[in-house]
N, C-alpha and C. Protein backbone atom coordinates (compact mmCIF):
# COMPACT_ATOMS: atom_id res chain seq x y z
N MET A 1 -12.06 13.66 14.52
CA MET A 1 -11.88 12.23 14.53
C MET A 1 -12.54 11.63 13.30
N CYS A 2 -11.93 10.60 12.76
CA CYS A 2 -12.46 9.93 11.58
C CYS A 2 -13.59 9.00 11.98
N SER A 3 -14.56 8.88 11.10
CA SER A 3 -15.72 8.07 11.47
C SER A 3 -15.90 6.86 10.56
N PHE A 4 -14.91 6.49 9.81
CA PHE A 4 -15.01 5.33 8.94
C PHE A 4 -14.96 4.05 9.76
N ARG A 5 -15.84 3.11 9.43
CA ARG A 5 -15.77 1.77 9.99
C ARG A 5 -15.57 0.83 8.81
N ALA A 6 -14.54 0.01 8.89
CA ALA A 6 -14.25 -0.91 7.79
C ALA A 6 -15.44 -1.83 7.57
N PRO A 7 -15.78 -2.09 6.30
CA PRO A 7 -16.90 -2.99 6.03
C PRO A 7 -16.55 -4.41 6.46
N PRO A 8 -17.56 -5.23 6.79
CA PRO A 8 -17.29 -6.62 7.15
C PRO A 8 -16.58 -7.33 6.00
N ALA A 9 -15.84 -8.37 6.32
CA ALA A 9 -15.11 -9.13 5.32
C ALA A 9 -16.04 -9.56 4.19
N ARG A 10 -15.53 -9.49 3.00
CA ARG A 10 -16.22 -9.89 1.77
C ARG A 10 -17.34 -8.95 1.36
N ARG A 11 -17.59 -7.93 2.12
CA ARG A 11 -18.61 -6.96 1.71
C ARG A 11 -18.01 -6.06 0.64
N ARG A 12 -18.77 -5.71 -0.34
CA ARG A 12 -18.26 -4.90 -1.43
C ARG A 12 -18.73 -3.46 -1.25
N GLY A 13 -17.80 -2.54 -1.53
CA GLY A 13 -18.15 -1.14 -1.54
C GLY A 13 -18.27 -0.54 -0.15
N PRO A 14 -18.61 0.73 -0.10
CA PRO A 14 -18.70 1.44 1.18
C PRO A 14 -19.77 0.84 2.08
N SER A 15 -19.45 0.82 3.35
CA SER A 15 -20.38 0.32 4.35
C SER A 15 -21.51 1.34 4.55
N PRO A 16 -22.72 0.87 4.84
CA PRO A 16 -23.80 1.81 5.11
C PRO A 16 -23.52 2.65 6.35
N GLU A 17 -22.61 2.20 7.24
CA GLU A 17 -22.29 2.95 8.44
C GLU A 17 -21.36 4.13 8.16
N CYS A 18 -20.80 4.22 6.97
CA CYS A 18 -19.87 5.30 6.66
C CYS A 18 -20.59 6.64 6.70
N THR A 19 -20.04 7.56 7.46
CA THR A 19 -20.59 8.90 7.45
C THR A 19 -19.63 9.85 6.77
N LEU A 20 -18.35 9.52 6.80
CA LEU A 20 -17.31 10.28 6.13
C LEU A 20 -16.39 9.30 5.43
N PRO A 21 -15.70 9.72 4.39
CA PRO A 21 -14.75 8.80 3.76
C PRO A 21 -13.61 8.49 4.72
N PRO A 22 -12.99 7.33 4.57
CA PRO A 22 -11.86 6.98 5.42
C PRO A 22 -10.77 8.06 5.34
N CYS A 23 -10.26 8.45 6.50
CA CYS A 23 -9.21 9.46 6.55
C CYS A 23 -7.83 8.80 6.49
N LEU A 24 -6.79 9.60 6.52
CA LEU A 24 -5.42 9.08 6.47
C LEU A 24 -5.18 8.07 7.59
N ASP A 25 -5.63 8.39 8.80
CA ASP A 25 -5.44 7.48 9.93
C ASP A 25 -6.18 6.16 9.74
N ASP A 26 -7.35 6.19 9.12
CA ASP A 26 -8.10 4.96 8.86
C ASP A 26 -7.32 4.05 7.92
N ILE A 27 -6.80 4.62 6.84
CA ILE A 27 -6.03 3.84 5.88
C ILE A 27 -4.76 3.31 6.56
N ASP A 28 -4.14 4.13 7.39
CA ASP A 28 -2.94 3.69 8.12
C ASP A 28 -3.27 2.51 9.02
N ARG A 29 -4.38 2.57 9.74
CA ARG A 29 -4.77 1.45 10.62
C ARG A 29 -5.01 0.17 9.81
N ILE A 30 -5.69 0.31 8.69
CA ILE A 30 -5.93 -0.86 7.83
C ILE A 30 -4.60 -1.43 7.35
N ALA A 31 -3.69 -0.55 6.92
CA ALA A 31 -2.38 -1.00 6.43
C ALA A 31 -1.60 -1.73 7.51
N ARG A 32 -1.58 -1.19 8.71
CA ARG A 32 -0.83 -1.82 9.81
C ARG A 32 -1.44 -3.17 10.18
N ALA A 33 -2.75 -3.26 10.16
CA ALA A 33 -3.40 -4.54 10.43
C ALA A 33 -3.04 -5.57 9.36
N GLN A 34 -2.99 -5.13 8.11
CA GLN A 34 -2.63 -6.03 7.02
C GLN A 34 -1.16 -6.44 7.10
N LEU A 35 -0.30 -5.51 7.45
CA LEU A 35 1.13 -5.84 7.61
C LEU A 35 1.33 -6.90 8.68
N ALA A 36 0.55 -6.83 9.73
CA ALA A 36 0.70 -7.76 10.85
C ALA A 36 0.37 -9.20 10.48
N VAL A 37 -0.41 -9.40 9.43
CA VAL A 37 -0.82 -10.76 9.07
C VAL A 37 -0.23 -11.24 7.74
N LEU A 38 0.72 -10.51 7.19
CA LEU A 38 1.34 -10.95 5.94
C LEU A 38 2.15 -12.22 6.19
N PRO A 39 2.10 -13.15 5.24
CA PRO A 39 2.85 -14.40 5.40
C PRO A 39 4.35 -14.19 5.21
N GLU A 40 5.12 -15.19 5.61
CA GLU A 40 6.54 -15.18 5.28
C GLU A 40 6.65 -15.36 3.77
N PRO A 41 7.62 -14.80 3.13
CA PRO A 41 8.85 -14.25 3.69
C PRO A 41 8.74 -12.80 4.12
N PHE A 42 7.56 -12.21 4.04
CA PHE A 42 7.44 -10.80 4.36
C PHE A 42 7.70 -10.49 5.82
N GLY A 43 6.99 -11.17 6.71
CA GLY A 43 6.95 -10.83 8.11
C GLY A 43 8.26 -10.41 8.74
N SER A 44 9.27 -11.25 8.65
CA SER A 44 10.52 -10.96 9.35
C SER A 44 11.39 -9.94 8.62
N HIS A 45 11.07 -9.60 7.40
CA HIS A 45 11.92 -8.70 6.62
C HIS A 45 11.33 -7.32 6.38
N ILE A 46 10.17 -7.04 6.94
CA ILE A 46 9.55 -5.75 6.66
C ILE A 46 9.52 -4.82 7.87
N ARG A 47 10.10 -5.26 8.96
CA ARG A 47 10.06 -4.43 10.16
C ARG A 47 10.74 -3.07 9.97
N SER A 48 11.73 -3.01 9.10
CA SER A 48 12.46 -1.76 8.89
C SER A 48 11.77 -0.84 7.89
N LEU A 49 10.74 -1.32 7.23
CA LEU A 49 10.02 -0.49 6.26
C LEU A 49 9.18 0.57 6.96
N VAL A 50 9.19 1.75 6.40
CA VAL A 50 8.31 2.82 6.87
C VAL A 50 7.12 2.86 5.93
N VAL A 51 5.92 2.91 6.49
CA VAL A 51 4.71 3.03 5.68
C VAL A 51 4.10 4.39 5.98
N ARG A 52 3.89 5.16 4.91
CA ARG A 52 3.29 6.49 5.05
C ARG A 52 2.05 6.56 4.18
N VAL A 53 1.01 7.15 4.73
CA VAL A 53 -0.22 7.35 3.97
C VAL A 53 -0.33 8.84 3.69
N GLU A 54 -0.47 9.17 2.42
CA GLU A 54 -0.62 10.56 2.00
C GLU A 54 -1.81 10.66 1.07
N GLU A 55 -2.27 11.87 0.87
CA GLU A 55 -3.43 12.08 -0.01
C GLU A 55 -3.12 11.65 -1.44
N PHE A 56 -2.02 12.17 -2.00
CA PHE A 56 -1.58 11.89 -3.37
C PHE A 56 -0.06 11.85 -3.38
N CYS A 57 0.49 11.36 -4.47
CA CYS A 57 1.93 11.47 -4.65
C CYS A 57 2.28 12.94 -4.88
N ASP A 58 3.54 13.28 -4.65
CA ASP A 58 3.95 14.67 -4.85
C ASP A 58 4.12 14.96 -6.35
N ALA A 59 4.22 16.23 -6.68
CA ALA A 59 4.31 16.66 -8.08
C ALA A 59 5.55 16.09 -8.76
N GLU A 60 6.64 15.98 -8.02
CA GLU A 60 7.88 15.43 -8.58
C GLU A 60 7.70 13.98 -9.00
N THR A 61 7.06 13.18 -8.14
CA THR A 61 6.79 11.78 -8.47
C THR A 61 5.85 11.68 -9.66
N GLU A 62 4.84 12.52 -9.67
CA GLU A 62 3.88 12.52 -10.78
C GLU A 62 4.58 12.80 -12.10
N ALA A 63 5.49 13.77 -12.11
CA ALA A 63 6.24 14.10 -13.33
C ALA A 63 7.23 12.99 -13.68
N GLU A 64 7.94 12.50 -12.68
CA GLU A 64 8.94 11.44 -12.89
C GLU A 64 8.33 10.19 -13.49
N MET A 65 7.13 9.85 -13.05
CA MET A 65 6.46 8.64 -13.53
C MET A 65 5.57 8.91 -14.74
N ARG A 66 5.52 10.17 -15.17
CA ARG A 66 4.72 10.57 -16.34
C ARG A 66 3.27 10.13 -16.20
N LEU A 67 2.70 10.41 -15.04
CA LEU A 67 1.30 10.05 -14.78
C LEU A 67 0.38 11.01 -15.50
N ASP A 68 -0.72 10.49 -16.02
CA ASP A 68 -1.74 11.36 -16.60
C ASP A 68 -2.49 12.10 -15.51
N SER A 69 -2.58 11.47 -14.35
CA SER A 69 -3.32 12.03 -13.23
C SER A 69 -2.72 11.47 -11.94
N PRO A 70 -2.74 12.24 -10.85
CA PRO A 70 -2.26 11.67 -9.58
C PRO A 70 -3.14 10.52 -9.09
N PHE A 71 -4.34 10.37 -9.65
CA PHE A 71 -5.21 9.25 -9.30
C PHE A 71 -4.70 7.93 -9.88
N ASP A 72 -3.71 7.99 -10.77
CA ASP A 72 -3.18 6.78 -11.41
C ASP A 72 -2.25 5.98 -10.52
N LEU A 73 -1.83 6.53 -9.38
CA LEU A 73 -0.85 5.86 -8.53
C LEU A 73 -1.44 5.61 -7.14
N LEU A 74 -1.64 4.33 -6.81
CA LEU A 74 -2.21 3.96 -5.51
C LEU A 74 -1.13 3.80 -4.44
N GLY A 75 0.07 3.43 -4.85
CA GLY A 75 1.15 3.22 -3.89
C GLY A 75 2.50 3.30 -4.58
N LEU A 76 3.55 3.42 -3.76
CA LEU A 76 4.90 3.57 -4.30
C LEU A 76 5.91 3.07 -3.29
N TYR A 77 6.92 2.35 -3.77
CA TYR A 77 8.05 1.95 -2.93
C TYR A 77 9.23 2.84 -3.29
N ARG A 78 9.84 3.45 -2.29
CA ARG A 78 11.05 4.25 -2.47
C ARG A 78 12.13 3.62 -1.61
N GLY A 79 13.22 3.23 -2.22
CA GLY A 79 14.32 2.63 -1.49
C GLY A 79 15.16 1.78 -2.42
N VAL A 80 16.01 0.99 -1.83
CA VAL A 80 16.84 0.06 -2.59
C VAL A 80 16.35 -1.35 -2.26
N SER A 81 15.94 -2.09 -3.28
CA SER A 81 15.40 -3.42 -3.04
C SER A 81 16.46 -4.32 -2.39
N LEU A 82 16.00 -5.30 -1.64
CA LEU A 82 16.91 -6.17 -0.91
C LEU A 82 17.89 -6.90 -1.82
N ASP A 83 17.47 -7.21 -3.03
CA ASP A 83 18.37 -7.90 -3.96
C ASP A 83 19.47 -6.99 -4.50
N ARG A 84 19.40 -5.69 -4.21
CA ARG A 84 20.41 -4.75 -4.69
C ARG A 84 21.19 -4.09 -3.54
N LYS A 85 20.83 -4.41 -2.30
CA LYS A 85 21.52 -3.83 -1.15
C LYS A 85 22.83 -4.54 -0.92
N SER A 86 23.76 -3.80 -0.32
CA SER A 86 25.07 -4.37 -0.01
C SER A 86 25.53 -3.82 1.34
N VAL A 87 26.25 -4.66 2.09
CA VAL A 87 26.81 -4.19 3.36
C VAL A 87 27.88 -3.14 3.11
N ALA A 88 28.39 -3.07 1.90
CA ALA A 88 29.41 -2.07 1.55
C ALA A 88 28.81 -0.69 1.29
N ASP A 89 27.48 -0.63 1.18
CA ASP A 89 26.82 0.66 0.97
C ASP A 89 27.08 1.56 2.17
N GLY A 90 27.19 2.85 1.90
CA GLY A 90 27.34 3.82 2.98
C GLY A 90 26.06 3.88 3.79
N ALA A 91 25.69 5.05 4.18
CA ALA A 91 24.45 5.22 4.94
C ALA A 91 23.28 4.76 4.09
N PRO A 92 22.58 3.73 4.54
CA PRO A 92 21.48 3.19 3.72
C PRO A 92 20.31 4.16 3.65
N GLU A 93 19.66 4.13 2.50
CA GLU A 93 18.44 4.90 2.30
C GLU A 93 17.33 4.29 3.15
N ILE A 94 16.44 5.10 3.61
CA ILE A 94 15.27 4.58 4.33
C ILE A 94 14.31 4.01 3.30
N ASP A 95 13.85 2.80 3.54
CA ASP A 95 12.88 2.16 2.66
C ASP A 95 11.48 2.61 3.09
N ILE A 96 10.75 3.19 2.15
CA ILE A 96 9.43 3.74 2.46
C ILE A 96 8.41 3.21 1.46
N ILE A 97 7.27 2.83 1.98
CA ILE A 97 6.12 2.53 1.13
C ILE A 97 5.11 3.64 1.36
N PHE A 98 4.69 4.24 0.27
CA PHE A 98 3.66 5.26 0.30
C PHE A 98 2.35 4.64 -0.16
N LEU A 99 1.30 4.91 0.57
CA LEU A 99 -0.05 4.58 0.15
C LEU A 99 -0.76 5.90 -0.08
N TYR A 100 -1.43 6.01 -1.22
CA TYR A 100 -2.09 7.27 -1.57
C TYR A 100 -3.60 7.14 -1.40
N ARG A 101 -4.07 7.80 -0.36
CA ARG A 101 -5.45 7.67 0.09
C ARG A 101 -6.48 7.97 -0.99
N ARG A 102 -6.40 9.12 -1.62
CA ARG A 102 -7.45 9.51 -2.58
C ARG A 102 -7.52 8.55 -3.76
N PRO A 103 -6.40 8.16 -4.38
CA PRO A 103 -6.51 7.17 -5.46
C PRO A 103 -7.05 5.82 -4.98
N ILE A 104 -6.66 5.41 -3.76
CA ILE A 104 -7.18 4.15 -3.21
C ILE A 104 -8.69 4.25 -3.04
N LEU A 105 -9.17 5.38 -2.49
CA LEU A 105 -10.61 5.54 -2.29
C LEU A 105 -11.35 5.62 -3.62
N ASP A 106 -10.74 6.27 -4.59
CA ASP A 106 -11.35 6.37 -5.91
C ASP A 106 -11.51 4.97 -6.52
N TYR A 107 -10.45 4.17 -6.41
CA TYR A 107 -10.48 2.80 -6.92
C TYR A 107 -11.54 1.98 -6.17
N TRP A 108 -11.60 2.16 -4.86
CA TRP A 108 -12.58 1.46 -4.02
C TRP A 108 -14.00 1.76 -4.48
N CYS A 109 -14.28 3.04 -4.72
CA CYS A 109 -15.62 3.43 -5.16
C CYS A 109 -15.93 2.93 -6.57
N GLU A 110 -14.94 2.97 -7.45
CA GLU A 110 -15.15 2.52 -8.83
C GLU A 110 -15.39 1.03 -8.92
N THR A 111 -14.66 0.24 -8.13
CA THR A 111 -14.70 -1.22 -8.27
C THR A 111 -15.66 -1.89 -7.30
N GLY A 112 -15.91 -1.27 -6.15
CA GLY A 112 -16.73 -1.91 -5.14
C GLY A 112 -16.00 -3.00 -4.38
N GLU A 113 -14.70 -3.16 -4.62
CA GLU A 113 -13.91 -4.15 -3.89
C GLU A 113 -13.82 -3.78 -2.41
N ASP A 114 -13.54 -4.75 -1.59
CA ASP A 114 -13.34 -4.53 -0.17
C ASP A 114 -12.12 -3.64 0.04
N LEU A 115 -12.25 -2.59 0.85
CA LEU A 115 -11.17 -1.64 1.06
C LEU A 115 -9.94 -2.31 1.66
N GLU A 116 -10.13 -3.21 2.61
CA GLU A 116 -8.99 -3.90 3.21
C GLU A 116 -8.24 -4.72 2.16
N HIS A 117 -8.98 -5.33 1.25
CA HIS A 117 -8.35 -6.10 0.18
C HIS A 117 -7.52 -5.19 -0.73
N ILE A 118 -8.04 -4.02 -1.04
CA ILE A 118 -7.31 -3.09 -1.90
C ILE A 118 -6.03 -2.63 -1.22
N VAL A 119 -6.12 -2.25 0.04
CA VAL A 119 -4.93 -1.80 0.77
C VAL A 119 -3.92 -2.93 0.84
N ARG A 120 -4.37 -4.14 1.11
CA ARG A 120 -3.46 -5.30 1.16
C ARG A 120 -2.78 -5.51 -0.19
N HIS A 121 -3.56 -5.43 -1.26
CA HIS A 121 -3.01 -5.63 -2.60
C HIS A 121 -1.90 -4.60 -2.89
N VAL A 122 -2.16 -3.34 -2.57
CA VAL A 122 -1.17 -2.29 -2.81
C VAL A 122 0.07 -2.55 -1.95
N LEU A 123 -0.12 -2.91 -0.68
CA LEU A 123 1.02 -3.22 0.20
C LEU A 123 1.85 -4.37 -0.34
N VAL A 124 1.19 -5.46 -0.72
CA VAL A 124 1.92 -6.63 -1.24
C VAL A 124 2.72 -6.24 -2.48
N HIS A 125 2.11 -5.46 -3.34
CA HIS A 125 2.80 -5.04 -4.56
C HIS A 125 4.04 -4.21 -4.21
N GLU A 126 3.90 -3.25 -3.33
CA GLU A 126 5.03 -2.37 -3.00
C GLU A 126 6.08 -3.11 -2.17
N ILE A 127 5.67 -3.99 -1.28
CA ILE A 127 6.63 -4.81 -0.54
C ILE A 127 7.37 -5.73 -1.50
N GLY A 128 6.67 -6.20 -2.51
CA GLY A 128 7.32 -7.01 -3.54
C GLY A 128 8.46 -6.26 -4.20
N HIS A 129 8.28 -4.98 -4.45
CA HIS A 129 9.36 -4.18 -5.02
C HIS A 129 10.52 -4.10 -4.03
N HIS A 130 10.24 -4.02 -2.74
CA HIS A 130 11.28 -4.01 -1.70
C HIS A 130 12.11 -5.30 -1.77
N PHE A 131 11.46 -6.41 -2.07
CA PHE A 131 12.14 -7.69 -2.18
C PHE A 131 12.76 -7.92 -3.56
N GLY A 132 12.45 -7.04 -4.51
CA GLY A 132 12.96 -7.22 -5.86
C GLY A 132 12.16 -8.25 -6.65
N LEU A 133 10.91 -8.49 -6.26
CA LEU A 133 10.07 -9.49 -6.93
C LEU A 133 9.38 -8.90 -8.15
N GLY A 134 9.04 -9.79 -9.07
CA GLY A 134 8.27 -9.40 -10.24
C GLY A 134 6.78 -9.52 -9.97
N ASP A 135 5.98 -9.04 -10.89
CA ASP A 135 4.52 -9.06 -10.71
C ASP A 135 3.97 -10.47 -10.51
N ASP A 136 4.47 -11.46 -11.28
CA ASP A 136 3.98 -12.84 -11.14
C ASP A 136 4.25 -13.38 -9.74
N ASP A 137 5.43 -13.10 -9.20
CA ASP A 137 5.76 -13.54 -7.83
C ASP A 137 4.79 -12.92 -6.83
N MET A 138 4.52 -11.63 -7.02
CA MET A 138 3.63 -10.93 -6.09
C MET A 138 2.22 -11.52 -6.14
N HIS A 139 1.74 -11.84 -7.33
CA HIS A 139 0.39 -12.43 -7.45
C HIS A 139 0.33 -13.79 -6.77
N ARG A 140 1.39 -14.60 -6.90
CA ARG A 140 1.41 -15.91 -6.24
C ARG A 140 1.36 -15.75 -4.72
N ILE A 141 2.10 -14.80 -4.19
CA ILE A 141 2.11 -14.58 -2.74
C ILE A 141 0.74 -14.13 -2.27
N GLU A 142 0.17 -13.20 -2.99
CA GLU A 142 -1.13 -12.67 -2.61
C GLU A 142 -2.22 -13.74 -2.70
N ASP A 143 -2.11 -14.63 -3.68
CA ASP A 143 -3.12 -15.67 -3.87
C ASP A 143 -3.06 -16.77 -2.83
N ARG A 144 -1.98 -16.83 -2.04
CA ARG A 144 -1.85 -17.86 -1.00
C ARG A 144 -2.89 -17.71 0.09
N ASP A 145 -3.42 -16.53 0.25
CA ASP A 145 -4.36 -16.30 1.37
C ASP A 145 -5.74 -16.81 1.05
């Protein structure tokens, strides 16, 4: 069983109660909690998204994106963005958001930012790709909170 306890809101860096680093299930719980409180237009349009937490991206993604290191990628959206979907499409691709635990934890330790904030930021960014939004749009949505 994982023993991570999320730090209190606005606390920076790892909580003194941490005995082990957050596991895949811990990051998944944080992600699901963040998904539940995302503002519209996200809420009603993200129910079909699959969110998966993995240690790192796979070797194919790393090569495809020409990453220097698998630590360079915190999250990834795989699918067809809503602005490009059509009812004429055959069997639709499953829309998946990947969160990569080890890079997220590495970033958390390097920056001291709140872990929930980091997970939320990665989710908003990847959900933005699902909507076909640009980076500026995503920052405006995230800043509303």
